[in-house]
Amino acid sequence: MTGGQHDDTADEPWQLVKAAQEGDTEAFGVLYDKYVDMVFRYVLFRVGGDRAFAEDVTSETFLRALRSIGSVSYMGRDVGAWFVTIARNIVFDHVKSSRYRLEVTTAELQ
């Protein structure tokens, strides 16, 4: 394999993003297949092994990614970093809202 072929492989996910931006739903499916396990493992670790919740967050991650595919552009990193950032934000929002609910419940008990 030459260096040029390797570079093409590294750029392939961004080519899939571009295709998805142009309406190619199959391209987004390829991105999903390529990154779903990585995102799931990341989320599962972050949520302490709650598989059902990790599956929900993973689904929401790709739903949000699909909704915002038109606004993402090449960041000089792997596309997976974008998916993980979305997943991290969903987990953070959930933790923040759970903490808020816990504080409200605790306050009501006093």
N, C-alpha and C. Protein backbone atom coordinates (compact mmCIF):
# COMPACT_ATOMS: atom_id res chain seq x y z
N MET A 1 0.85 -1.18 0.00
CA MET A 1 0.00 0.00 0.00
C MET A 1 0.89 1.23 0.00
N THR A 2 0.60 2.16 -0.88
CA THR A 2 1.39 3.38 -0.94
C THR A 2 0.82 4.41 0.02
N GLY A 3 1.58 5.45 0.26
CA GLY A 3 1.14 6.52 1.15
C GLY A 3 -0.14 7.16 0.66
N GLY A 4 -0.29 7.32 -0.64
CA GLY A 4 -1.49 7.93 -1.20
C GLY A 4 -2.74 7.13 -0.89
N GLN A 5 -2.64 5.82 -0.99
CA GLN A 5 -3.79 4.98 -0.67
C GLN A 5 -4.13 5.09 0.81
N HIS A 6 -3.13 5.15 1.65
CA HIS A 6 -3.37 5.28 3.09
C HIS A 6 -4.09 6.59 3.39
N ASP A 7 -3.65 7.67 2.76
CA ASP A 7 -4.30 8.97 2.98
C ASP A 7 -5.76 8.93 2.54
N ASP A 8 -6.04 8.25 1.43
CA ASP A 8 -7.42 8.13 0.97
C ASP A 8 -8.27 7.41 2.01
N THR A 9 -7.71 6.37 2.63
CA THR A 9 -8.42 5.63 3.65
C THR A 9 -8.72 6.53 4.84
N ALA A 10 -7.77 7.36 5.23
CA ALA A 10 -7.97 8.27 6.36
C ALA A 10 -9.04 9.31 6.05
N ASP A 11 -9.14 9.72 4.80
CA ASP A 11 -10.13 10.73 4.41
C ASP A 11 -11.50 10.14 4.11
N GLU A 12 -11.58 8.82 3.97
CA GLU A 12 -12.83 8.19 3.56
C GLU A 12 -14.02 8.58 4.43
N PRO A 13 -13.91 8.58 5.77
CA PRO A 13 -15.07 8.98 6.56
C PRO A 13 -15.56 10.39 6.24
N TRP A 14 -14.65 11.30 5.98
CA TRP A 14 -15.07 12.66 5.63
C TRP A 14 -15.73 12.69 4.26
N GLN A 15 -15.30 11.79 3.36
CA GLN A 15 -15.97 11.68 2.06
C GLN A 15 -17.39 11.16 2.25
N LEU A 16 -17.56 10.26 3.23
CA LEU A 16 -18.91 9.76 3.54
C LEU A 16 -19.77 10.88 4.14
N VAL A 17 -19.18 11.72 4.98
CA VAL A 17 -19.92 12.86 5.54
C VAL A 17 -20.38 13.77 4.41
N LYS A 18 -19.48 14.04 3.48
CA LYS A 18 -19.82 14.91 2.35
C LYS A 18 -20.96 14.29 1.53
N ALA A 19 -20.88 12.99 1.30
CA ALA A 19 -21.94 12.31 0.55
C ALA A 19 -23.27 12.38 1.31
N ALA A 20 -23.21 12.20 2.62
CA ALA A 20 -24.43 12.28 3.44
C ALA A 20 -25.01 13.70 3.40
N GLN A 21 -24.14 14.69 3.39
CA GLN A 21 -24.60 16.08 3.29
C GLN A 21 -25.32 16.33 1.97
N GLU A 22 -24.94 15.58 0.97
CA GLU A 22 -25.55 15.72 -0.35
C GLU A 22 -26.77 14.82 -0.51
N GLY A 23 -27.22 14.20 0.59
CA GLY A 23 -28.44 13.42 0.57
C GLY A 23 -28.27 11.92 0.42
N ASP A 24 -27.05 11.43 0.47
CA ASP A 24 -26.79 10.00 0.34
C ASP A 24 -27.01 9.32 1.70
N THR A 25 -28.20 8.74 1.90
CA THR A 25 -28.51 8.11 3.19
C THR A 25 -27.67 6.86 3.42
N GLU A 26 -27.29 6.19 2.35
CA GLU A 26 -26.46 5.01 2.50
C GLU A 26 -25.09 5.38 3.09
N ALA A 27 -24.57 6.54 2.72
CA ALA A 27 -23.28 7.00 3.26
C ALA A 27 -23.37 7.18 4.77
N PHE A 28 -24.49 7.74 5.25
CA PHE A 28 -24.64 7.88 6.70
C PHE A 28 -24.72 6.51 7.37
N GLY A 29 -25.37 5.57 6.72
CA GLY A 29 -25.44 4.20 7.24
C GLY A 29 -24.06 3.58 7.38
N VAL A 30 -23.18 3.85 6.43
CA VAL A 30 -21.81 3.34 6.51
C VAL A 30 -21.09 3.99 7.69
N LEU A 31 -21.28 5.29 7.88
CA LEU A 31 -20.69 5.98 9.04
C LEU A 31 -21.21 5.37 10.35
N TYR A 32 -22.51 5.11 10.39
CA TYR A 32 -23.11 4.50 11.58
C TYR A 32 -22.44 3.16 11.87
N ASP A 33 -22.37 2.31 10.85
CA ASP A 33 -21.76 0.98 11.02
C ASP A 33 -20.32 1.09 11.49
N LYS A 34 -19.61 2.06 10.98
CA LYS A 34 -18.19 2.22 11.29
C LYS A 34 -17.97 2.71 12.72
N TYR A 35 -18.86 3.55 13.25
CA TYR A 35 -18.61 4.20 14.54
C TYR A 35 -19.55 3.80 15.67
N VAL A 36 -20.60 3.05 15.40
CA VAL A 36 -21.58 2.76 16.45
C VAL A 36 -20.96 2.01 17.63
N ASP A 37 -20.10 1.05 17.38
CA ASP A 37 -19.49 0.30 18.48
C ASP A 37 -18.58 1.18 19.32
N MET A 38 -17.82 2.04 18.67
CA MET A 38 -16.92 2.94 19.39
C MET A 38 -17.72 3.88 20.29
N VAL A 39 -18.79 4.46 19.75
CA VAL A 39 -19.62 5.38 20.53
C VAL A 39 -20.27 4.63 21.69
N PHE A 40 -20.80 3.44 21.42
CA PHE A 40 -21.45 2.66 22.47
C PHE A 40 -20.48 2.35 23.60
N ARG A 41 -19.27 1.90 23.27
CA ARG A 41 -18.27 1.58 24.30
C ARG A 41 -17.92 2.82 25.12
N TYR A 42 -17.76 3.95 24.45
CA TYR A 42 -17.46 5.20 25.15
C TYR A 42 -18.58 5.54 26.14
N VAL A 43 -19.82 5.49 25.66
CA VAL A 43 -20.96 5.85 26.51
C VAL A 43 -21.11 4.84 27.65
N LEU A 44 -20.98 3.56 27.36
CA LEU A 44 -21.12 2.52 28.37
C LEU A 44 -20.13 2.75 29.52
N PHE A 45 -18.91 3.10 29.18
CA PHE A 45 -17.91 3.40 30.20
C PHE A 45 -18.32 4.63 31.01
N ARG A 46 -18.80 5.66 30.33
CA ARG A 46 -19.16 6.92 31.00
C ARG A 46 -20.36 6.78 31.92
N VAL A 47 -21.28 5.84 31.61
CA VAL A 47 -22.50 5.71 32.41
C VAL A 47 -22.42 4.51 33.36
N GLY A 48 -21.24 4.04 33.61
CA GLY A 48 -21.04 3.00 34.61
C GLY A 48 -21.63 1.64 34.26
N GLY A 49 -21.66 1.32 32.98
CA GLY A 49 -22.08 -0.02 32.57
C GLY A 49 -23.57 -0.21 32.37
N ASP A 50 -24.35 0.86 32.41
CA ASP A 50 -25.80 0.76 32.18
C ASP A 50 -26.05 0.59 30.69
N ARG A 51 -26.19 -0.68 30.26
CA ARG A 51 -26.27 -1.00 28.83
C ARG A 51 -27.50 -0.39 28.16
N ALA A 52 -28.65 -0.45 28.81
CA ALA A 52 -29.88 0.09 28.21
C ALA A 52 -29.75 1.59 28.00
N PHE A 53 -29.24 2.28 29.00
CA PHE A 53 -29.06 3.72 28.87
C PHE A 53 -28.01 4.04 27.81
N ALA A 54 -26.93 3.26 27.77
CA ALA A 54 -25.88 3.46 26.77
C ALA A 54 -26.44 3.27 25.36
N GLU A 55 -27.33 2.29 25.19
CA GLU A 55 -27.96 2.09 23.88
C GLU A 55 -28.82 3.29 23.50
N ASP A 56 -29.57 3.82 24.47
CA ASP A 56 -30.41 5.00 24.22
C ASP A 56 -29.55 6.20 23.82
N VAL A 57 -28.47 6.43 24.56
CA VAL A 57 -27.59 7.56 24.26
C VAL A 57 -26.93 7.38 22.90
N THR A 58 -26.53 6.16 22.58
CA THR A 58 -25.90 5.90 21.28
C THR A 58 -26.89 6.20 20.16
N SER A 59 -28.14 5.76 20.30
CA SER A 59 -29.16 6.04 19.29
C SER A 59 -29.37 7.54 19.15
N GLU A 60 -29.48 8.23 20.27
CA GLU A 60 -29.69 9.68 20.25
C GLU A 60 -28.50 10.39 19.62
N THR A 61 -27.29 9.87 19.86
CA THR A 61 -26.08 10.46 19.27
C THR A 61 -26.18 10.46 17.75
N PHE A 62 -26.55 9.32 17.17
CA PHE A 62 -26.60 9.24 15.71
C PHE A 62 -27.80 9.99 15.15
N LEU A 63 -28.87 10.07 15.90
CA LEU A 63 -30.02 10.87 15.47
C LEU A 63 -29.62 12.35 15.40
N ARG A 64 -28.95 12.83 16.44
CA ARG A 64 -28.50 14.23 16.44
C ARG A 64 -27.47 14.47 15.34
N ALA A 65 -26.59 13.50 15.14
CA ALA A 65 -25.58 13.64 14.09
C ALA A 65 -26.24 13.76 12.73
N LEU A 66 -27.26 12.93 12.49
CA LEU A 66 -27.96 12.97 11.22
C LEU A 66 -28.66 14.32 11.03
N ARG A 67 -29.28 14.81 12.11
CA ARG A 67 -29.96 16.11 12.03
C ARG A 67 -28.99 17.25 11.73
N SER A 68 -27.76 17.14 12.24
CA SER A 68 -26.82 18.26 12.08
C SER A 68 -25.71 17.96 11.06
N ILE A 69 -25.87 16.92 10.27
CA ILE A 69 -24.83 16.53 9.31
C ILE A 69 -24.48 17.68 8.37
N GLY A 70 -25.46 18.51 8.04
CA GLY A 70 -25.22 19.61 7.12
C GLY A 70 -24.30 20.68 7.65
N SER A 71 -24.15 20.74 8.98
CA SER A 71 -23.34 21.82 9.56
C SER A 71 -21.93 21.39 9.96
N VAL A 72 -21.64 20.09 9.87
CA VAL A 72 -20.30 19.64 10.27
C VAL A 72 -19.34 19.79 9.09
N SER A 73 -18.12 20.17 9.42
CA SER A 73 -17.10 20.28 8.38
C SER A 73 -15.80 19.66 8.89
N TYR A 74 -14.91 19.40 7.98
CA TYR A 74 -13.65 18.72 8.30
C TYR A 74 -12.94 19.44 9.44
N MET A 75 -12.58 18.69 10.49
CA MET A 75 -11.94 19.27 11.67
C MET A 75 -10.49 18.83 11.82
N GLY A 76 -9.97 18.15 10.82
CA GLY A 76 -8.60 17.67 10.93
C GLY A 76 -8.46 16.46 11.84
N ARG A 77 -9.58 15.92 12.26
CA ARG A 77 -9.57 14.74 13.13
C ARG A 77 -10.50 13.69 12.52
N ASP A 78 -10.50 12.53 13.12
CA ASP A 78 -11.39 11.46 12.67
C ASP A 78 -12.84 11.87 12.92
N VAL A 79 -13.73 11.45 12.07
CA VAL A 79 -15.15 11.73 12.22
C VAL A 79 -15.66 11.20 13.57
N GLY A 80 -15.05 10.13 14.04
CA GLY A 80 -15.44 9.55 15.33
C GLY A 80 -15.38 10.55 16.46
N ALA A 81 -14.45 11.49 16.39
CA ALA A 81 -14.35 12.52 17.44
C ALA A 81 -15.62 13.36 17.50
N TRP A 82 -16.23 13.61 16.34
CA TRP A 82 -17.48 14.37 16.30
C TRP A 82 -18.60 13.57 16.97
N PHE A 83 -18.70 12.28 16.65
CA PHE A 83 -19.73 11.44 17.26
C PHE A 83 -19.54 11.36 18.78
N VAL A 84 -18.31 11.20 19.21
CA VAL A 84 -18.03 11.10 20.65
C VAL A 84 -18.36 12.41 21.36
N THR A 85 -18.09 13.53 20.71
CA THR A 85 -18.43 14.83 21.30
C THR A 85 -19.94 14.94 21.50
N ILE A 86 -20.71 14.51 20.52
CA ILE A 86 -22.17 14.54 20.64
C ILE A 86 -22.59 13.64 21.81
N ALA A 87 -22.04 12.43 21.87
CA ALA A 87 -22.39 11.48 22.93
C ALA A 87 -22.02 12.06 24.30
N ARG A 88 -20.85 12.64 24.40
CA ARG A 88 -20.40 13.24 25.66
C ARG A 88 -21.38 14.32 26.11
N ASN A 89 -21.83 15.14 25.17
CA ASN A 89 -22.78 16.21 25.52
C ASN A 89 -24.12 15.66 25.99
N ILE A 90 -24.58 14.58 25.37
CA ILE A 90 -25.84 13.96 25.79
C ILE A 90 -25.70 13.41 27.22
N VAL A 91 -24.59 12.71 27.48
CA VAL A 91 -24.35 12.16 28.82
C VAL A 91 -24.27 13.31 29.84
N PHE A 92 -23.54 14.35 29.49
CA PHE A 92 -23.39 15.50 30.39
C PHE A 92 -24.75 16.13 30.68
N ASP A 93 -25.57 16.33 29.64
CA ASP A 93 -26.90 16.92 29.83
C ASP A 93 -27.76 16.05 30.74
N HIS A 94 -27.66 14.74 30.57
CA HIS A 94 -28.44 13.82 31.39
C HIS A 94 -27.99 13.90 32.86
N VAL A 95 -26.68 13.89 33.07
CA VAL A 95 -26.16 13.95 34.43
C VAL A 95 -26.58 15.26 35.09
N LYS A 96 -26.48 16.33 34.33
CA LYS A 96 -26.84 17.64 34.84
C LYS A 96 -28.33 17.67 35.21
N SER A 97 -29.20 17.16 34.34
CA SER A 97 -30.64 17.18 34.62
C SER A 97 -30.97 16.22 35.76
N SER A 98 -30.27 15.08 35.86
CA SER A 98 -30.50 14.14 36.95
C SER A 98 -30.10 14.76 38.28
N ARG A 99 -28.99 15.46 38.27
CA ARG A 99 -28.53 16.12 39.48
C ARG A 99 -29.55 17.18 39.91
N TYR A 100 -30.08 17.90 38.94
CA TYR A 100 -31.09 18.91 39.24
C TYR A 100 -32.33 18.26 39.85
N ARG A 101 -32.79 17.17 39.26
CA ARG A 101 -33.97 16.47 39.79
C ARG A 101 -33.70 15.95 41.19
N LEU A 102 -32.49 15.44 41.43
CA LEU A 102 -32.12 14.94 42.75
C LEU A 102 -32.15 16.08 43.77
N GLU A 103 -31.63 17.25 43.39
CA GLU A 103 -31.62 18.38 44.31
C GLU A 103 -33.04 18.84 44.62
N VAL A 104 -33.92 18.85 43.63
CA VAL A 104 -35.31 19.26 43.85
C VAL A 104 -35.99 18.26 44.78
N THR A 105 -35.79 16.95 44.52
CA THR A 105 -36.40 15.93 45.35
C THR A 105 -35.92 16.03 46.78
N THR A 106 -34.61 16.22 46.96
CA THR A 106 -34.03 16.35 48.30
C THR A 106 -34.60 17.56 49.02
N ALA A 107 -34.74 18.66 48.31
CA ALA A 107 -35.28 19.88 48.91
C ALA A 107 -36.73 19.67 49.34
N GLU A 108 -37.48 18.89 48.56
CA GLU A 108 -38.88 18.65 48.89
C GLU A 108 -39.02 17.79 50.14
N LEU A 109 -38.04 16.96 50.44
CA LEU A 109 -38.09 16.08 51.59
C LEU A 109 -37.89 16.81 52.90
N GLN A 110 -37.25 17.97 52.86
CA GLN A 110 -36.93 18.70 54.09
C GLN A 110 -38.09 19.46 54.64
